[in-house]
Protein backbone atom coordinates (compact mmCIF):
# COMPACT_ATOMS: atom_id res chain seq x y z
CA MET A 1 0.00 0.00 0.00
CA PRO A 2 2.52 2.64 -1.10
CA GLY A 3 -0.15 5.30 -1.62
CA LEU A 4 -1.35 5.10 1.95
CA THR A 5 2.22 5.00 3.23
CA ALA A 6 3.08 8.15 1.27
CA LEU A 7 -0.02 9.92 2.58
CA VAL A 8 0.81 9.00 6.19
CA LEU A 9 4.40 10.16 5.74
CA VAL A 10 3.33 13.49 4.24
CA THR A 11 0.79 13.99 7.04
CA PHE A 12 3.44 13.16 9.64
CA ILE A 13 5.84 15.72 8.13
CA ALA A 14 3.10 18.37 8.08
CA VAL A 15 2.07 17.79 11.71
CA TRP A 16 5.73 17.75 12.78
CA ALA A 17 6.34 21.11 11.09
CA ILE A 18 3.25 22.68 12.66
CA VAL A 19 4.09 21.45 16.18
CA LEU A 20 7.71 22.55 15.81
CA GLY A 21 6.64 25.98 14.56
CA VAL A 22 4.27 26.53 17.46
CA MET A 23 6.99 25.51 19.91
CA GLU A 24 9.46 27.91 18.26
CA ILE A 25 7.01 30.80 18.50
CA TYR A 26 6.33 29.96 22.15
CA GLY A 27 10.07 29.76 22.83
CA ALA A 28 10.64 33.14 21.20
CA ILE A 29 7.95 34.69 23.38
CA GLN A 30 9.58 33.18 26.49
CA LEU A 31 13.05 34.40 25.43
CA ARG A 32 11.95 37.90 24.46
CA LYS A 33 13.21 39.45 27.70
CA GLU A 34 16.47 37.49 27.59
CA ILE A 35 17.66 38.13 24.03
CA ASP A 36 17.40 40.74 21.32
CA ASN A 37 16.06 39.99 17.86
CA GLU A 38 13.83 37.14 18.88
CA TRP A 39 12.04 37.81 15.59
CA MET A 40 14.44 35.32 13.97
CA LEU A 41 12.97 32.49 16.02
CA ILE A 42 9.44 33.79 15.45
CA LEU A 43 10.11 33.96 11.71
CA SER A 44 11.35 30.40 11.74
CA GLY A 45 8.26 29.29 13.66
CA VAL A 46 5.90 31.05 11.28
CA ALA A 47 7.69 29.46 8.31
CA SER A 48 7.33 26.04 9.96
CA VAL A 49 3.62 26.50 10.58
CA LEU A 50 2.99 27.77 7.04
CA PHE A 51 4.97 24.91 5.52
CA GLY A 52 3.03 22.39 7.60
CA LEU A 53 -0.31 23.89 6.66
CA ILE A 54 0.55 23.94 2.96
CA VAL A 55 1.64 20.31 3.03
CA LEU A 56 -1.41 19.32 5.07
CA ILE A 57 -3.80 21.11 2.70
CA ALA A 58 -2.31 19.54 -0.43
CA PRO A 59 -1.00 16.08 0.53
CA GLY A 60 -1.55 14.77 -2.96
CA ALA A 61 1.16 16.98 -4.42
CA GLY A 62 3.84 15.18 -6.35
CA ALA A 63 6.77 13.65 -4.49
CA LEU A 64 9.23 15.78 -6.43
CA GLY A 65 7.39 18.97 -5.46
CA LEU A 66 7.40 17.90 -1.83
CA ILE A 67 11.12 17.16 -1.97
CA TRP A 68 11.79 20.67 -3.31
CA ALA A 69 9.55 22.21 -0.64
CA ILE A 70 11.29 20.25 2.11
CA ALA A 71 14.69 21.25 0.76
CA ALA A 72 13.78 24.95 0.60
CA TYR A 73 12.22 24.78 4.07
CA SER A 74 15.29 23.05 5.51
CA ILE A 75 17.70 25.58 4.01
CA PHE A 76 15.66 28.53 5.29
CA PHE A 77 15.22 26.85 8.67
CA GLY A 78 18.94 26.11 8.95
CA ILE A 79 20.01 29.65 8.04
CA THR A 80 17.56 31.10 10.54
CA PHE A 81 18.87 28.87 13.34
CA ILE A 82 22.49 29.61 12.49
CA ALA A 83 21.73 33.34 12.72
CA LEU A 84 19.94 32.80 16.04
CA ALA A 85 22.83 30.69 17.36
CA LEU A 86 25.31 33.43 16.50
CA ARG A 87 23.16 35.92 18.39
CA LEU A 88 22.78 33.61 21.41
CA ARG A 89 26.51 32.87 21.54
CA LYS A 90 27.07 36.41 22.82
CA HIS A 91 24.42 35.99 25.54
CA LYS A 92 25.67 35.24 29.05
CA HIS A 93 23.32 33.59 31.51
CA ALA A 94 23.20 35.37 34.87
């Protein structure tokens, strides 16, 4: 049943992205008094939620299209976290 397997995998990826995005937004709100430019984490969270919703709305999209979307999402997500990590490296915990 490869069709059902593909649908479950796509749904799993979409739900994972939505949950991760919500947790990133929540984390940014919690860190807002600790760090500057928490908008990077919020932007990453919004991108995760949007990606998850798009994949969830159109699960029947072609596998090649989904691969390109996942690749673009991962590159954007990685760049955003690298930028956030560079900002957090300068932060000292009291």
